Amino acid sequence: MYYSEKALKMLAEDYAALNGKLDDLLVKFFTLTLTNPRAMEYARQGVPRRLKVLARCITNVFTGIPPERNELPSRDALPDATINIQSFVFNVFGAVDNLAWYGCIRTDKNVRTAHRSLTGISDMAPTTRASERRFRKSYGITLPAL
């Protein structure tokens, strides 16, 4: 067996709770009170769409290759799992990008037509870095020195 009984139990419990956690998170995004239409678009469309795809990818992988399985996956199951894992990774990046745009637009009232290359999660994204610093400062959040 690839996983211990304890690990299998934890995976089963977390997997069973997936849809409930997804629903709770989606409700939080859909009920945000926002006045900026662009921020609303990212918070109510972009992020929730990505979250639904992430949950679907998890379901597809767990269905195709259940963790309690002892034998090797079939030739069809392995590429399907690979496709879903790759989709999961890219949608995590997309969700973080949507959150960066949401945070940038929501906290920076002067951002009207920010260019895509200036907002994101990379070091080449000064708009997000500046907005993130203002966000941390306004909420008294300090980050430890590295």
C-alpha atoms as a PDB file:
ATOM      1  CA  MET A   1       0.000   0.000   0.000  1.00  0.00           C
ATOM      2  CA  TYR A   2       1.322   3.434  -0.962  1.00  0.00           C
ATOM      3  CA  TYR A   3      -0.332   5.337   1.900  1.00  0.00           C
ATOM      4  CA  SER A   4      -0.714   4.528   5.583  1.00  0.00           C
ATOM      5  CA  GLU A   5      -4.195   3.935   6.993  1.00  0.00           C
ATOM      6  CA  LYS A   6      -3.954   7.273   8.792  1.00  0.00           C
ATOM      7  CA  ALA A   7      -3.062   9.100   5.561  1.00  0.00           C
ATOM      8  CA  LEU A   8      -5.886   7.366   3.660  1.00  0.00           C
ATOM      9  CA  LYS A   9      -8.364   8.361   6.368  1.00  0.00           C
ATOM     10  CA  MET A  10      -7.179  11.985   6.240  1.00  0.00           C
ATOM     11  CA  LEU A  11      -7.387  12.057   2.427  1.00  0.00           C
ATOM     12  CA  ALA A  12     -10.893  10.563   2.511  1.00  0.00           C
ATOM     13  CA  GLU A  13     -12.099  13.090   5.111  1.00  0.00           C
ATOM     14  CA  ASP A  14     -10.607  16.062   3.264  1.00  0.00           C
ATOM     15  CA  TYR A  15     -11.931  14.814  -0.075  1.00  0.00           C
ATOM     16  CA  ALA A  16     -15.423  14.341   1.410  1.00  0.00           C
ATOM     17  CA  ALA A  17     -15.321  17.940   2.695  1.00  0.00           C
ATOM     18  CA  LEU A  18     -14.154  19.390  -0.647  1.00  0.00           C
ATOM     19  CA  ASN A  19     -17.527  20.397  -2.076  1.00  0.00           C
ATOM     20  CA  GLY A  20     -18.730  21.918   1.193  1.00  0.00           C
ATOM     21  CA  LYS A  21     -15.554  23.991   1.505  1.00  0.00           C
ATOM     22  CA  LEU A  22     -15.859  25.027  -2.144  1.00  0.00           C
ATOM     23  CA  ASP A  23     -19.466  26.127  -1.631  1.00  0.00           C
ATOM     24  CA  ASP A  24     -18.537  28.139   1.480  1.00  0.00           C
ATOM     25  CA  LEU A  25     -15.715  29.878  -0.383  1.00  0.00           C
ATOM     26  CA  LEU A  26     -17.884  30.626  -3.423  1.00  0.00           C
ATOM     27  CA  VAL A  27     -20.571  32.165  -1.217  1.00  0.00           C
ATOM     28  CA  LYS A  28     -17.951  34.451   0.341  1.00  0.00           C
ATOM     29  CA  PHE A  29     -16.828  35.678  -3.077  1.00  0.00           C
ATOM     30  CA  PHE A  30     -20.372  36.101  -4.424  1.00  0.00           C
ATOM     31  CA  THR A  31     -21.528  38.061  -1.367  1.00  0.00           C
ATOM     32  CA  LEU A  32     -18.670  40.566  -1.298  1.00  0.00           C
ATOM     33  CA  THR A  33     -19.916  44.144  -1.327  1.00  0.00           C
ATOM     34  CA  LEU A  34     -17.992  45.815  -4.128  1.00  0.00           C
ATOM     35  CA  THR A  35     -18.521  49.078  -5.952  1.00  0.00           C
ATOM     36  CA  ASN A  36     -15.761  48.760  -8.547  1.00  0.00           C
ATOM     37  CA  PRO A  37     -17.057  46.748 -11.544  1.00  0.00           C
ATOM     38  CA  ARG A  38     -13.608  45.396 -12.429  1.00  0.00           C
ATOM     39  CA  ALA A  39     -12.962  44.216  -8.860  1.00  0.00           C
ATOM     40  CA  MET A  40     -16.426  42.647  -8.864  1.00  0.00           C
ATOM     41  CA  GLU A  41     -15.650  40.818 -12.113  1.00  0.00           C
ATOM     42  CA  TYR A  42     -12.485  39.247 -10.699  1.00  0.00           C
ATOM     43  CA  ALA A  43     -14.091  38.432  -7.338  1.00  0.00           C
ATOM     44  CA  ARG A  44     -17.353  37.020  -8.664  1.00  0.00           C
ATOM     45  CA  GLN A  45     -16.305  35.487 -11.973  1.00  0.00           C
ATOM     46  CA  GLY A  46     -12.559  34.962 -12.281  1.00  0.00           C
ATOM     47  CA  VAL A  47     -11.704  33.485  -8.878  1.00  0.00           C
ATOM     48  CA  PRO A  48     -14.863  31.345  -8.481  1.00  0.00           C
ATOM     49  CA  ARG A  49     -14.478  29.904 -11.987  1.00  0.00           C
ATOM     50  CA  ARG A  50     -10.891  28.899 -11.176  1.00  0.00           C
ATOM     51  CA  LEU A  51     -11.924  27.411  -7.831  1.00  0.00           C
ATOM     52  CA  LYS A  52     -14.575  25.256  -9.506  1.00  0.00           C
ATOM     53  CA  VAL A  53     -12.023  23.982 -12.029  1.00  0.00           C
ATOM     54  CA  LEU A  54      -9.580  23.206  -9.197  1.00  0.00           C
ATOM     55  CA  ALA A  55     -12.231  21.185  -7.366  1.00  0.00           C
ATOM     56  CA  ARG A  56     -13.128  19.348 -10.579  1.00  0.00           C
ATOM     57  CA  CYS A  57      -9.463  18.486 -11.190  1.00  0.00           C
ATOM     58  CA  ILE A  58      -9.191  17.041  -7.678  1.00  0.00           C
ATOM     59  CA  THR A  59     -12.351  14.985  -8.228  1.00  0.00           C
ATOM     60  CA  ASN A  60     -11.085  13.695 -11.577  1.00  0.00           C
ATOM     61  CA  VAL A  61      -7.722  12.624 -10.136  1.00  0.00           C
ATOM     62  CA  PHE A  62      -9.289  10.946  -7.082  1.00  0.00           C
ATOM     63  CA  THR A  63     -11.835   9.167  -9.280  1.00  0.00           C
ATOM     64  CA  GLY A  64      -9.292   8.014 -11.865  1.00  0.00           C
ATOM     65  CA  ILE A  65      -6.572   6.998  -9.422  1.00  0.00           C
ATOM     66  CA  PRO A  66      -8.038   6.512  -5.946  1.00  0.00           C
ATOM     67  CA  PRO A  67      -5.417   6.762  -3.182  1.00  0.00           C
ATOM     68  CA  GLU A  68      -6.394   3.375  -1.726  1.00  0.00           C
ATOM     69  CA  ARG A  69      -5.579   1.698  -5.028  1.00  0.00           C
ATOM     70  CA  ASN A  70      -2.612  -0.714  -4.900  1.00  0.00           C
ATOM     71  CA  GLU A  71      -2.105  -1.533  -8.568  1.00  0.00           C
ATOM     72  CA  LEU A  72      -0.564   0.741 -11.178  1.00  0.00           C
ATOM     73  CA  PRO A  73      -2.956   3.025 -13.065  1.00  0.00           C
ATOM     74  CA  SER A  74      -4.079   2.053 -16.553  1.00  0.00           C
ATOM     75  CA  ARG A  75      -2.627   3.633 -19.674  1.00  0.00           C
ATOM     76  CA  ASP A  76      -5.707   5.832 -19.899  1.00  0.00           C
ATOM     77  CA  ALA A  77      -5.921   6.780 -16.218  1.00  0.00           C
ATOM     78  CA  LEU A  78      -2.336   8.014 -15.963  1.00  0.00           C
ATOM     79  CA  PRO A  79      -2.501  10.594 -18.805  1.00  0.00           C
ATOM     80  CA  ASP A  80      -5.938  11.713 -17.579  1.00  0.00           C
ATOM     81  CA  ALA A  81      -4.497  12.309 -14.109  1.00  0.00           C
ATOM     82  CA  THR A  82      -1.532  14.134 -15.636  1.00  0.00           C
ATOM     83  CA  ILE A  83      -3.843  16.399 -17.637  1.00  0.00           C
ATOM     84  CA  ASN A  84      -5.887  17.200 -14.524  1.00  0.00           C
ATOM     85  CA  ILE A  85      -2.810  17.852 -12.379  1.00  0.00           C
ATOM     86  CA  GLN A  86      -1.386  20.187 -15.020  1.00  0.00           C
ATOM     87  CA  SER A  87      -4.735  21.953 -15.280  1.00  0.00           C
ATOM     88  CA  PHE A  88      -4.793  22.243 -11.498  1.00  0.00           C
ATOM     89  CA  VAL A  89      -1.354  23.909 -11.425  1.00  0.00           C
ATOM     90  CA  PHE A  90      -2.216  26.393 -14.177  1.00  0.00           C
ATOM     91  CA  ASN A  91      -5.552  27.235 -12.556  1.00  0.00           C
ATOM     92  CA  VAL A  92      -3.817  27.850  -9.212  1.00  0.00           C
ATOM     93  CA  PHE A  93      -1.640  30.371 -11.051  1.00  0.00           C
ATOM     94  CA  GLY A  94      -4.749  31.861 -12.709  1.00  0.00           C
ATOM     95  CA  ALA A  95      -6.596  32.113  -9.381  1.00  0.00           C
ATOM     96  CA  VAL A  96      -3.639  33.876  -7.770  1.00  0.00           C
ATOM     97  CA  ASP A  97      -3.458  36.227 -10.761  1.00  0.00           C
ATOM     98  CA  ASN A  98      -7.190  36.965 -10.431  1.00  0.00           C
ATOM     99  CA  LEU A  99      -6.715  37.619  -6.707  1.00  0.00           C
ATOM    100  CA  ALA A 100      -3.783  39.934  -7.479  1.00  0.00           C
ATOM    101  CA  TRP A 101      -5.968  41.929  -9.876  1.00  0.00           C
ATOM    102  CA  TYR A 102      -8.857  41.973  -7.410  1.00  0.00           C
ATOM    103  CA  GLY A 103      -6.601  43.207  -4.600  1.00  0.00           C
ATOM    104  CA  CYS A 104      -4.863  45.743  -6.810  1.00  0.00           C
ATOM    105  CA  ILE A 105      -8.105  47.232  -8.126  1.00  0.00           C
ATOM    106  CA  ARG A 106      -9.884  47.084  -4.756  1.00  0.00           C
ATOM    107  CA  THR A 107      -7.108  48.755  -2.737  1.00  0.00           C
ATOM    108  CA  ASP A 108      -5.790  51.176  -5.340  1.00  0.00           C
ATOM    109  CA  LYS A 109      -8.474  53.681  -6.284  1.00  0.00           C
ATOM    110  CA  ASN A 110      -6.223  55.286  -8.891  1.00  0.00           C
ATOM    111  CA  VAL A 111      -5.907  52.087 -10.933  1.00  0.00           C
ATOM    112  CA  ARG A 112      -8.319  52.496 -13.794  1.00  0.00           C
ATOM    113  CA  THR A 113      -6.631  50.900 -16.750  1.00  0.00           C
ATOM    114  CA  ALA A 114      -3.659  49.053 -15.293  1.00  0.00           C
ATOM    115  CA  HIS A 115      -1.703  47.225 -17.971  1.00  0.00           C
ATOM    116  CA  ARG A 116      -1.652  43.406 -17.702  1.00  0.00           C
ATOM    117  CA  SER A 117       2.160  43.339 -17.579  1.00  0.00           C
ATOM    118  CA  LEU A 118       2.191  45.628 -14.531  1.00  0.00           C
ATOM    119  CA  THR A 119      -0.059  43.474 -12.360  1.00  0.00           C
ATOM    120  CA  GLY A 120       0.539  39.895 -11.337  1.00  0.00           C
ATOM    121  CA  ILE A 121       2.597  37.748  -9.007  1.00  0.00           C
ATOM    122  CA  SER A 122       6.035  38.127 -10.568  1.00  0.00           C
ATOM    123  CA  ASP A 123       8.862  40.521  -9.684  1.00  0.00           C
ATOM    124  CA  MET A 124       8.003  42.347 -12.911  1.00  0.00           C
ATOM    125  CA  ALA A 125       4.653  43.445 -11.460  1.00  0.00           C
ATOM    126  CA  PRO A 126       5.267  46.774  -9.678  1.00  0.00           C
ATOM    127  CA  THR A 127       1.575  47.680  -9.480  1.00  0.00           C
ATOM    128  CA  THR A 128       0.788  44.622  -7.380  1.00  0.00           C
ATOM    129  CA  ARG A 129       3.842  45.073  -5.168  1.00  0.00           C
ATOM    130  CA  ALA A 130       2.947  48.708  -4.419  1.00  0.00           C
ATOM    131  CA  SER A 131      -0.715  47.831  -3.840  1.00  0.00           C
ATOM    132  CA  GLU A 132       0.276  44.907  -1.623  1.00  0.00           C
ATOM    133  CA  ARG A 133       2.517  47.184   0.490  1.00  0.00           C
ATOM    134  CA  ARG A 134      -0.376  49.639   0.959  1.00  0.00           C
ATOM    135  CA  PHE A 135      -2.704  46.745   1.853  1.00  0.00           C
ATOM    136  CA  ARG A 136      -0.260  45.382   4.457  1.00  0.00           C
ATOM    137  CA  LYS A 137       0.320  48.866   5.886  1.00  0.00           C
ATOM    138  CA  SER A 138      -3.412  49.637   6.164  1.00  0.00           C
ATOM    139  CA  TYR A 139      -4.031  46.387   8.079  1.00  0.00           C
ATOM    140  CA  GLY A 140      -0.822  46.516  10.137  1.00  0.00           C
ATOM    141  CA  ILE A 141       0.587  43.360   8.580  1.00  0.00           C
ATOM    142  CA  THR A 142       4.338  42.937   8.813  1.00  0.00           C
ATOM    143  CA  LEU A 143       6.298  40.255   7.054  1.00  0.00           C
ATOM    144  CA  PRO A 144       9.351  38.602   8.623  1.00  0.00           C
ATOM    145  CA  ALA A 145      12.736  39.454   7.129  1.00  0.00           C
ATOM    146  CA  LEU A 146      14.183  36.701   4.969  1.00  0.00           C
END
